[in-house]
Amino acid sequence: MRTRLLKALCLALSVAAVVTARAQSYPTRPIQVIVPFAGGSASDVVTRLLLNEMSKSLGQQFVVDNRPGAGGNTGTAAATKAAPDGYT
């Protein structure tokens, strides 16, 4: 009897976990892309071309943030300090 009760309890908990673990829609706001080089550079142009296509497929806007300086270290530092929420 205990075994059946334990199995039923495990089944109920697993069903409850599946119901509460719904996928959130992503992205829900614009995504910021940090380019560590100056605007108009080859990196900037290629990034903007790729983001244009990604914007069409995801249906969300991408914002390019050019942070030139120190051989790319300025932009890289800004990216490492950004919030880890998937929007940078």
PDB file of N, CA and C in Angstrom:
ATOM      1  N   MET A   1       0.815  -1.192   0.000  1.00  0.00           N
ATOM      2  CA  MET A   1       0.000   0.000   0.000  1.00  0.00           C
ATOM      3  C   MET A   1       0.869   1.271   0.000  1.00  0.00           C
ATOM      4  N   ARG A   2       1.934   1.256   0.795  1.00  0.00           N
ATOM      5  CA  ARG A   2       2.823   2.414   0.845  1.00  0.00           C
ATOM      6  C   ARG A   2       3.502   2.644  -0.499  1.00  0.00           C
ATOM      7  N   THR A   3       3.872   1.568  -1.166  1.00  0.00           N
ATOM      8  CA  THR A   3       4.547   1.685  -2.451  1.00  0.00           C
ATOM      9  C   THR A   3       3.634   2.355  -3.464  1.00  0.00           C
ATOM     10  N   ARG A   4       2.381   1.952  -3.489  1.00  0.00           N
ATOM     11  CA  ARG A   4       1.426   2.569  -4.414  1.00  0.00           C
ATOM     12  C   ARG A   4       1.220   4.043  -4.089  1.00  0.00           C
ATOM     13  N   LEU A   5       1.113   4.351  -2.822  1.00  0.00           N
ATOM     14  CA  LEU A   5       0.938   5.730  -2.408  1.00  0.00           C
ATOM     15  C   LEU A   5       2.152   6.583  -2.781  1.00  0.00           C
ATOM     16  N   LEU A   6       3.343   6.036  -2.600  1.00  0.00           N
ATOM     17  CA  LEU A   6       4.563   6.740  -2.955  1.00  0.00           C
ATOM     18  C   LEU A   6       4.649   6.959  -4.466  1.00  0.00           C
ATOM     19  N   LYS A   7       4.286   5.954  -5.240  1.00  0.00           N
ATOM     20  CA  LYS A   7       4.296   6.097  -6.704  1.00  0.00           C
ATOM     21  C   LYS A   7       3.291   7.151  -7.149  1.00  0.00           C
ATOM     22  N   ALA A   8       2.103   7.147  -6.547  1.00  0.00           N
ATOM     23  CA  ALA A   8       1.093   8.134  -6.901  1.00  0.00           C
ATOM     24  C   ALA A   8       1.556   9.542  -6.548  1.00  0.00           C
ATOM     25  N   LEU A   9       2.214   9.684  -5.415  1.00  0.00           N
ATOM     26  CA  LEU A   9       2.730  10.976  -5.001  1.00  0.00           C
ATOM     27  C   LEU A   9       3.809  11.467  -5.964  1.00  0.00           C
ATOM     28  N   CYS A  10       4.706  10.586  -6.359  1.00  0.00           N
ATOM     29  CA  CYS A  10       5.766  10.954  -7.316  1.00  0.00           C
ATOM     30  C   CYS A  10       5.162  11.363  -8.656  1.00  0.00           C
ATOM     31  N   LEU A  11       4.153  10.638  -9.099  1.00  0.00           N
ATOM     32  CA  LEU A  11       3.493  10.971 -10.360  1.00  0.00           C
ATOM     33  C   LEU A  11       2.824  12.342 -10.266  1.00  0.00           C
ATOM     34  N   ALA A  12       2.160  12.607  -9.170  1.00  0.00           N
ATOM     35  CA  ALA A  12       1.489  13.898  -8.992  1.00  0.00           C
ATOM     36  C   ALA A  12       2.498  15.047  -8.961  1.00  0.00           C
ATOM     37  N   LEU A  13       3.612  14.846  -8.298  1.00  0.00           N
ATOM     38  CA  LEU A  13       4.638  15.895  -8.240  1.00  0.00           C
ATOM     39  C   LEU A  13       5.271  16.138  -9.605  1.00  0.00           C
ATOM     40  N   SER A  14       5.495  15.089 -10.364  1.00  0.00           N
ATOM     41  CA  SER A  14       6.101  15.268 -11.683  1.00  0.00           C
ATOM     42  C   SER A  14       5.137  15.975 -12.629  1.00  0.00           C
ATOM     43  N   VAL A  15       3.849  15.680 -12.547  1.00  0.00           N
ATOM     44  CA  VAL A  15       2.858  16.369 -13.372  1.00  0.00           C
ATOM     45  C   VAL A  15       2.790  17.843 -12.979  1.00  0.00           C
ATOM     46  N   ALA A  16       2.839  18.129 -11.698  1.00  0.00           N
ATOM     47  CA  ALA A  16       2.809  19.513 -11.235  1.00  0.00           C
ATOM     48  C   ALA A  16       4.036  20.277 -11.708  1.00  0.00           C
ATOM     49  N   ALA A  17       5.170  19.616 -11.723  1.00  0.00           N
ATOM     50  CA  ALA A  17       6.404  20.271 -12.184  1.00  0.00           C
ATOM     51  C   ALA A  17       6.328  20.598 -13.658  1.00  0.00           C
ATOM     52  N   VAL A  18       5.756  19.702 -14.444  1.00  0.00           N
ATOM     53  CA  VAL A  18       5.640  19.940 -15.886  1.00  0.00           C
ATOM     54  C   VAL A  18       4.675  21.081 -16.162  1.00  0.00           C
ATOM     55  N   VAL A  19       3.599  21.151 -15.437  1.00  0.00           N
ATOM     56  CA  VAL A  19       2.608  22.204 -15.646  1.00  0.00           C
ATOM     57  C   VAL A  19       3.185  23.571 -15.297  1.00  0.00           C
ATOM     58  N   THR A  20       3.967  23.665 -14.227  1.00  0.00           N
ATOM     59  CA  THR A  20       4.504  24.962 -13.815  1.00  0.00           C
ATOM     60  C   THR A  20       5.722  25.391 -14.627  1.00  0.00           C
ATOM     61  N   ALA A  21       6.385  24.488 -15.302  1.00  0.00           N
ATOM     62  CA  ALA A  21       7.599  24.816 -16.058  1.00  0.00           C
ATOM     63  C   ALA A  21       7.248  25.158 -17.496  1.00  0.00           C
ATOM     64  N   ARG A  22       6.573  26.267 -17.681  1.00  0.00           N
ATOM     65  CA  ARG A  22       6.220  26.718 -19.021  1.00  0.00           C
ATOM     66  C   ARG A  22       7.364  27.538 -19.602  1.00  0.00           C
ATOM     67  N   ALA A  23       7.528  27.447 -20.898  1.00  0.00           N
ATOM     68  CA  ALA A  23       8.571  28.219 -21.562  1.00  0.00           C
ATOM     69  C   ALA A  23       8.112  29.661 -21.716  1.00  0.00           C
ATOM     70  N   GLN A  24       8.995  30.581 -21.398  1.00  0.00           N
ATOM     71  CA  GLN A  24       8.679  31.985 -21.586  1.00  0.00           C
ATOM     72  C   GLN A  24       8.999  32.352 -23.018  1.00  0.00           C
ATOM     73  N   SER A  25       8.254  33.291 -23.562  1.00  0.00           N
ATOM     74  CA  SER A  25       8.546  33.714 -24.928  1.00  0.00           C
ATOM     75  C   SER A  25       9.803  34.589 -24.902  1.00  0.00           C
ATOM     76  N   TYR A  26      10.674  34.336 -25.822  1.00  0.00           N
ATOM     77  CA  TYR A  26      11.927  35.089 -25.912  1.00  0.00           C
ATOM     78  C   TYR A  26      12.108  35.494 -27.351  1.00  0.00           C
ATOM     79  N   PRO A  27      12.497  36.618 -27.644  1.00  0.00           N
ATOM     80  CA  PRO A  27      12.730  37.798 -26.819  1.00  0.00           C
ATOM     81  C   PRO A  27      11.460  38.634 -26.697  1.00  0.00           C
ATOM     82  N   THR A  28      11.344  39.311 -25.606  1.00  0.00           N
ATOM     83  CA  THR A  28      10.180  40.160 -25.372  1.00  0.00           C
ATOM     84  C   THR A  28      10.516  41.645 -25.440  1.00  0.00           C
ATOM     85  N   ARG A  29      11.780  41.961 -25.595  1.00  0.00           N
ATOM     86  CA  ARG A  29      12.210  43.358 -25.719  1.00  0.00           C
ATOM     87  C   ARG A  29      13.426  43.405 -26.642  1.00  0.00           C
ATOM     88  N   PRO A  30      13.817  44.589 -27.102  1.00  0.00           N
ATOM     89  CA  PRO A  30      14.960  44.685 -28.013  1.00  0.00           C
ATOM     90  C   PRO A  30      16.240  44.107 -27.415  1.00  0.00           C
ATOM     91  N   ILE A  31      17.052  43.529 -28.269  1.00  0.00           N
ATOM     92  CA  ILE A  31      18.312  42.915 -27.863  1.00  0.00           C
ATOM     93  C   ILE A  31      19.459  43.853 -28.237  1.00  0.00           C
ATOM     94  N   GLN A  32      20.341  44.108 -27.288  1.00  0.00           N
ATOM     95  CA  GLN A  32      21.485  44.988 -27.516  1.00  0.00           C
ATOM     96  C   GLN A  32      22.686  44.153 -27.935  1.00  0.00           C
ATOM     97  N   VAL A  33      23.328  44.565 -29.023  1.00  0.00           N
ATOM     98  CA  VAL A  33      24.525  43.882 -29.513  1.00  0.00           C
ATOM     99  C   VAL A  33      25.685  44.864 -29.432  1.00  0.00           C
ATOM    100  N   ILE A  34      26.695  44.504 -28.669  1.00  0.00           N
ATOM    101  CA  ILE A  34      27.870  45.371 -28.520  1.00  0.00           C
ATOM    102  C   ILE A  34      28.913  44.970 -29.553  1.00  0.00           C
ATOM    103  N   VAL A  35      29.285  45.941 -30.386  1.00  0.00           N
ATOM    104  CA  VAL A  35      30.337  45.741 -31.382  1.00  0.00           C
ATOM    105  C   VAL A  35      31.551  46.517 -30.882  1.00  0.00           C
ATOM    106  N   PRO A  36      32.659  45.831 -30.608  1.00  0.00           N
ATOM    107  CA  PRO A  36      33.810  46.521 -30.014  1.00  0.00           C
ATOM    108  C   PRO A  36      34.683  47.295 -31.007  1.00  0.00           C
ATOM    109  N   PHE A  37      34.098  47.692 -32.126  1.00  0.00           N
ATOM    110  CA  PHE A  37      34.839  48.445 -33.133  1.00  0.00           C
ATOM    111  C   PHE A  37      33.992  49.617 -33.610  1.00  0.00           C
ATOM    112  N   ALA A  38      34.601  50.548 -34.312  1.00  0.00           N
ATOM    113  CA  ALA A  38      33.929  51.775 -34.744  1.00  0.00           C
ATOM    114  C   ALA A  38      32.830  51.497 -35.760  1.00  0.00           C
ATOM    115  N   GLY A  39      31.849  52.393 -35.774  1.00  0.00           N
ATOM    116  CA  GLY A  39      30.780  52.300 -36.763  1.00  0.00           C
ATOM    117  C   GLY A  39      31.334  52.490 -38.169  1.00  0.00           C
ATOM    118  N   GLY A  40      30.849  51.701 -39.104  1.00  0.00           N
ATOM    119  CA  GLY A  40      31.334  51.768 -40.475  1.00  0.00           C
ATOM    120  C   GLY A  40      32.476  50.820 -40.758  1.00  0.00           C
ATOM    121  N   SER A  41      33.020  50.176 -39.727  1.00  0.00           N
ATOM    122  CA  SER A  41      34.096  49.204 -39.943  1.00  0.00           C
ATOM    123  C   SER A  41      33.494  47.918 -40.516  1.00  0.00           C
ATOM    124  N   ALA A  42      34.351  47.041 -40.973  1.00  0.00           N
ATOM    125  CA  ALA A  42      33.880  45.780 -41.552  1.00  0.00           C
ATOM    126  C   ALA A  42      33.083  44.969 -40.526  1.00  0.00           C
ATOM    127  N   SER A  43      33.528  44.964 -39.290  1.00  0.00           N
ATOM    128  CA  SER A  43      32.810  44.242 -38.238  1.00  0.00           C
ATOM    129  C   SER A  43      31.413  44.811 -38.027  1.00  0.00           C
ATOM    130  N   ASP A  44      31.300  46.125 -38.061  1.00  0.00           N
ATOM    131  CA  ASP A  44      30.015  46.780 -37.867  1.00  0.00           C
ATOM    132  C   ASP A  44      29.062  46.472 -39.023  1.00  0.00           C
ATOM    133  N   VAL A  45      29.563  46.544 -40.242  1.00  0.00           N
ATOM    134  CA  VAL A  45      28.716  46.304 -41.422  1.00  0.00           C
ATOM    135  C   VAL A  45      28.218  44.863 -41.442  1.00  0.00           C
ATOM    136  N   VAL A  46      29.105  43.915 -41.210  1.00  0.00           N
ATOM    137  CA  VAL A  46      28.712  42.503 -41.216  1.00  0.00           C
ATOM    138  C   VAL A  46      27.718  42.229 -40.087  1.00  0.00           C
ATOM    139  N   THR A  47      27.950  42.798 -38.929  1.00  0.00           N
ATOM    140  CA  THR A  47      27.036  42.616 -37.807  1.00  0.00           C
ATOM    141  C   THR A  47      25.650  43.152 -38.133  1.00  0.00           C
ATOM    142  N   ARG A  48      25.583  44.323 -38.734  1.00  0.00           N
ATOM    143  CA  ARG A  48      24.281  44.908 -39.071  1.00  0.00           C
ATOM    144  C   ARG A  48      23.554  44.095 -40.141  1.00  0.00           C
ATOM    145  N   LEU A  49      24.282  43.541 -41.097  1.00  0.00           N
ATOM    146  CA  LEU A  49      23.648  42.695 -42.113  1.00  0.00           C
ATOM    147  C   LEU A  49      23.073  41.425 -41.491  1.00  0.00           C
ATOM    148  N   LEU A  50      23.836  40.805 -40.603  1.00  0.00           N
ATOM    149  CA  LEU A  50      23.350  39.592 -39.939  1.00  0.00           C
ATOM    150  C   LEU A  50      22.165  39.890 -39.027  1.00  0.00           C
ATOM    151  N   LEU A  51      22.242  40.990 -38.293  1.00  0.00           N
ATOM    152  CA  LEU A  51      21.163  41.338 -37.373  1.00  0.00           C
ATOM    153  C   LEU A  51      19.882  41.700 -38.109  1.00  0.00           C
ATOM    154  N   ASN A  52      20.004  42.232 -39.306  1.00  0.00           N
ATOM    155  CA  ASN A  52      18.813  42.528 -40.100  1.00  0.00           C
ATOM    156  C   ASN A  52      18.044  41.242 -40.410  1.00  0.00           C
ATOM    157  N   GLU A  53      18.757  40.200 -40.794  1.00  0.00           N
ATOM    158  CA  GLU A  53      18.108  38.916 -41.078  1.00  0.00           C
ATOM    159  C   GLU A  53      17.586  38.259 -39.805  1.00  0.00           C
ATOM    160  N   MET A  54      18.344  38.354 -38.729  1.00  0.00           N
ATOM    161  CA  MET A  54      17.890  37.781 -37.463  1.00  0.00           C
ATOM    162  C   MET A  54      16.643  38.498 -36.952  1.00  0.00           C
ATOM    163  N   SER A  55      16.571  39.799 -37.174  1.00  0.00           N
ATOM    164  CA  SER A  55      15.407  40.570 -36.759  1.00  0.00           C
ATOM    165  C   SER A  55      14.155  40.110 -37.490  1.00  0.00           C
ATOM    166  N   LYS A  56      14.311  39.788 -38.772  1.00  0.00           N
ATOM    167  CA  LYS A  56      13.176  39.287 -39.553  1.00  0.00           C
ATOM    168  C   LYS A  56      12.710  37.928 -39.044  1.00  0.00           C
ATOM    169  N   SER A  57      13.646  37.057 -38.703  1.00  0.00           N
ATOM    170  CA  SER A  57      13.265  35.704 -38.283  1.00  0.00           C
ATOM    171  C   SER A  57      12.728  35.666 -36.857  1.00  0.00           C
ATOM    172  N   LEU A  58      13.256  36.500 -35.954  1.00  0.00           N
ATOM    173  CA  LEU A  58      12.795  36.511 -34.566  1.00  0.00           C
ATOM    174  C   LEU A  58      11.639  37.471 -34.318  1.00  0.00           C
ATOM    175  N   GLY A  59      11.486  38.438 -35.209  1.00  0.00           N
ATOM    176  CA  GLY A  59      10.437  39.427 -35.017  1.00  0.00           C
ATOM    177  C   GLY A  59      10.731  40.389 -33.884  1.00  0.00           C
ATOM    178  N   GLN A  60      11.995  40.607 -33.617  1.00  0.00           N
ATOM    179  CA  GLN A  60      12.400  41.507 -32.544  1.00  0.00           C
ATOM    180  C   GLN A  60      13.512  42.420 -33.042  1.00  0.00           C
ATOM    181  N   GLN A  61      13.560  43.615 -32.503  1.00  0.00           N
ATOM    182  CA  GLN A  61      14.549  44.601 -32.908  1.00  0.00           C
ATOM    183  C   GLN A  61      15.882  44.346 -32.210  1.00  0.00           C
ATOM    184  N   PHE A  62      16.973  44.593 -32.948  1.00  0.00           N
ATOM    185  CA  PHE A  62      18.326  44.523 -32.393  1.00  0.00           C
ATOM    186  C   PHE A  62      18.912  45.924 -32.396  1.00  0.00           C
ATOM    187  N   VAL A  63      19.563  46.298 -31.312  1.00  0.00           N
ATOM    188  CA  VAL A  63      20.190  47.608 -31.189  1.00  0.00           C
ATOM    189  C   VAL A  63      21.693  47.409 -31.173  1.00  0.00           C
ATOM    190  N   VAL A  64      22.385  48.048 -32.117  1.00  0.00           N
ATOM    191  CA  VAL A  64      23.839  47.932 -32.202  1.00  0.00           C
ATOM    192  C   VAL A  64      24.471  49.040 -31.371  1.00  0.00           C
ATOM    193  N   ASP A  65      25.356  48.655 -30.478  1.00  0.00           N
ATOM    194  CA  ASP A  65      26.066  49.593 -29.614  1.00  0.00           C
ATOM    195  C   ASP A  65      27.554  49.487 -29.936  1.00  0.00           C
ATOM    196  N   ASN A  66      28.070  50.458 -30.701  1.00  0.00           N
ATOM    197  CA  ASN A  66      29.488  50.460 -31.050  1.00  0.00           C
ATOM    198  C   ASN A  66      30.290  51.036 -29.892  1.00  0.00           C
ATOM    199  N   ARG A  67      31.286  50.273 -29.427  1.00  0.00           N
ATOM    200  CA  ARG A  67      32.162  50.715 -28.342  1.00  0.00           C
ATOM    201  C   ARG A  67      33.622  50.536 -28.771  1.00  0.00           C
ATOM    202  N   PRO A  68      34.111  51.427 -29.620  1.00  0.00           N
ATOM    203  CA  PRO A  68      35.489  51.286 -30.078  1.00  0.00           C
ATOM    204  C   PRO A  68      36.483  51.733 -29.016  1.00  0.00           C
ATOM    205  N   GLY A  69      37.695  51.249 -29.156  1.00  0.00           N
ATOM    206  CA  GLY A  69      38.769  51.695 -28.272  1.00  0.00           C
ATOM    207  C   GLY A  69      39.544  50.553 -27.684  1.00  0.00           C
ATOM    208  N   ALA A  70      40.828  50.805 -27.496  1.00  0.00           N
ATOM    209  CA  ALA A  70      41.747  49.861 -26.859  1.00  0.00           C
ATOM    210  C   ALA A  70      41.790  48.519 -27.579  1.00  0.00           C
ATOM    211  N   GLY A  71      41.696  48.560 -28.896  1.00  0.00           N
ATOM    212  CA  GLY A  71      41.807  47.323 -29.678  1.00  0.00           C
ATOM    213  C   GLY A  71      40.662  46.348 -29.432  1.00  0.00           C
ATOM    214  N   GLY A  72      39.492  46.860 -29.089  1.00  0.00           N
ATOM    215  CA  GLY A  72      38.339  46.003 -28.838  1.00  0.00           C
ATOM    216  C   GLY A  72      38.103  45.700 -27.376  1.00  0.00           C
ATOM    217  N   ASN A  73      39.032  46.099 -26.517  1.00  0.00           N
ATOM    218  CA  ASN A  73      38.891  45.806 -25.085  1.00  0.00           C
ATOM    219  C   ASN A  73      37.764  46.598 -24.414  1.00  0.00           C
ATOM    220  N   THR A  74      37.476  47.793 -24.902  1.00  0.00           N
ATOM    221  CA  THR A  74      36.416  48.601 -24.312  1.00  0.00           C
ATOM    222  C   THR A  74      35.052  47.934 -24.495  1.00  0.00           C
ATOM    223  N   GLY A  75      34.780  47.499 -25.704  1.00  0.00           N
ATOM    224  CA  GLY A  75      33.520  46.812 -25.982  1.00  0.00           C
ATOM    225  C   GLY A  75      33.424  45.469 -25.294  1.00  0.00           C
ATOM    226  N   THR A  76      34.531  44.762 -25.241  1.00  0.00           N
ATOM    227  CA  THR A  76      34.549  43.459 -24.574  1.00  0.00           C
ATOM    228  C   THR A  76      34.289  43.615 -23.077  1.00  0.00           C
ATOM    229  N   ALA A  77      34.874  44.639 -22.474  1.00  0.00           N
ATOM    230  CA  ALA A  77      34.642  44.893 -21.046  1.00  0.00           C
ATOM    231  C   ALA A  77      33.182  45.250 -20.794  1.00  0.00           C
ATOM    232  N   ALA A  78      32.587  46.016 -21.690  1.00  0.00           N
ATOM    233  CA  ALA A  78      31.171  46.370 -21.536  1.00  0.00           C
ATOM    234  C   ALA A  78      30.284  45.130 -21.639  1.00  0.00           C
ATOM    235  N   ALA A  79      30.644  44.214 -22.514  1.00  0.00           N
ATOM    236  CA  ALA A  79      29.854  42.987 -22.664  1.00  0.00           C
ATOM    237  C   ALA A  79      29.981  42.086 -21.439  1.00  0.00           C
ATOM    238  N   THR A  80      31.161  42.043 -20.846  1.00  0.00           N
ATOM    239  CA  THR A  80      31.336  41.186 -19.664  1.00  0.00           C
ATOM    240  C   THR A  80      30.615  41.747 -18.439  1.00  0.00           C
ATOM    241  N   LYS A  81      30.412  43.060 -18.416  1.00  0.00           N
ATOM    242  CA  LYS A  81      29.738  43.683 -17.273  1.00  0.00           C
ATOM    243  C   LYS A  81      28.232  43.789 -17.466  1.00  0.00           C
ATOM    244  N   ALA A  82      27.724  43.382 -18.625  1.00  0.00           N
ATOM    245  CA  ALA A  82      26.292  43.460 -18.888  1.00  0.00           C
ATOM    246  C   ALA A  82      25.530  42.421 -18.065  1.00  0.00           C
ATOM    247  N   ALA A  83      24.278  42.708 -17.832  1.00  0.00           N
ATOM    248  CA  ALA A  83      23.438  41.765 -17.070  1.00  0.00           C
ATOM    249  C   ALA A  83      23.307  40.456 -17.837  1.00  0.00           C
ATOM    250  N   PRO A  84      23.430  39.327 -17.152  1.00  0.00           N
ATOM    251  CA  PRO A  84      23.352  38.022 -17.821  1.00  0.00           C
ATOM    252  C   PRO A  84      21.903  37.577 -18.059  1.00  0.00           C
ATOM    253  N   ASP A  85      21.144  38.401 -18.768  1.00  0.00           N
ATOM    254  CA  ASP A  85      19.743  38.101 -19.000  1.00  0.00           C
ATOM    255  C   ASP A  85      19.421  37.661 -20.419  1.00  0.00           C
ATOM    256  N   GLY A  86      20.441  37.586 -21.271  1.00  0.00           N
ATOM    257  CA  GLY A  86      20.230  37.141 -22.641  1.00  0.00           C
ATOM    258  C   GLY A  86      19.811  38.251 -23.585  1.00  0.00           C
ATOM    259  N   TYR A  87      19.817  39.471 -23.127  1.00  0.00           N
ATOM    260  CA  TYR A  87      19.431  40.596 -23.969  1.00  0.00           C
ATOM    261  C   TYR A  87      20.612  41.480 -24.345  1.00  0.00           C
ATOM    262  N   THR A  88      21.833  41.067 -24.079  1.00  0.00           N
ATOM    263  CA  THR A  88      23.027  41.806 -24.496  1.00  0.00           C
ATOM    264  C   THR A  88      23.967  40.836 -25.166  1.00  0.00           C
TER     265      THR A  88
END
